[in-house]
């Protein structure tokens, strides 16, 4: 009984883990791009003040 339940739950757990990992990777990439954009805008603003 436990083996059949595990076999039924395991694929959904694997796909859930994959979706969670992809979501975290996307959020991390967006955060890096966002921080880089802020960094570039600060550099540009600083250069204009000089």
Protein backbone atom coordinates (compact mmCIF):
# COMPACT_ATOMS: atom_id res chain seq x y z
CA UNK A 1 0.00 0.00 0.00
CA UNK A 2 2.71 2.47 0.93
CA UNK A 3 4.65 1.66 -2.23
CA UNK A 4 1.67 2.37 -4.51
CA UNK A 5 0.98 5.68 -2.72
CA UNK A 6 4.62 6.66 -3.08
CA UNK A 7 4.56 5.77 -6.78
CA UNK A 8 1.48 7.95 -7.25
CA UNK A 9 2.86 10.90 -5.28
CA UNK A 10 6.44 10.85 -6.55
CA UNK A 11 5.86 12.21 -10.09
CA UNK A 12 3.82 15.17 -8.85
CA UNK A 13 6.44 15.91 -6.20
CA UNK A 14 9.14 15.84 -8.88
CA UNK A 15 7.24 18.21 -11.17
CA UNK A 16 6.47 20.47 -8.21
CA UNK A 17 10.17 20.58 -7.32
CA UNK A 18 11.04 21.35 -10.95
CA UNK A 19 8.48 24.17 -11.14
CA UNK A 20 9.68 25.58 -7.82
CA UNK A 21 13.30 25.48 -8.98
CA UNK A 22 12.47 27.17 -12.27
CA UNK A 23 10.46 29.86 -10.49
CA UNK A 24 13.33 30.56 -8.10
CA UNK A 25 15.79 30.73 -11.00
CA UNK A 26 13.56 33.16 -12.89
CA UNK A 27 13.11 35.34 -9.82
CA UNK A 28 16.88 35.33 -9.19
CA UNK A 29 17.56 36.34 -12.80
CA UNK A 30 14.97 39.11 -12.64
CA UNK A 31 16.47 40.38 -9.39
CA UNK A 32 19.97 40.45 -10.90
CA UNK A 33 18.74 42.34 -13.97
CA UNK A 34 16.79 44.78 -11.78
CA UNK A 35 19.80 45.45 -9.51
CA UNK A 36 22.06 45.85 -12.55
CA UNK A 37 19.62 48.37 -14.02
CA UNK A 38 19.67 50.38 -10.78
CA UNK A 39 23.47 50.22 -10.72
CA UNK A 40 23.74 51.49 -14.31
CA UNK A 41 21.20 54.27 -13.71
CA UNK A 42 23.15 55.40 -10.62
CA UNK A 43 26.39 55.45 -12.62
CA UNK A 44 24.73 57.46 -15.38
CA UNK A 45 23.24 59.94 -12.91
CA UNK A 46 26.57 60.29 -11.13
CA UNK A 47 28.40 60.99 -14.41
CA UNK A 48 25.87 63.65 -15.37
CA UNK A 49 26.43 65.42 -12.05
CA UNK A 50 30.18 65.58 -12.72
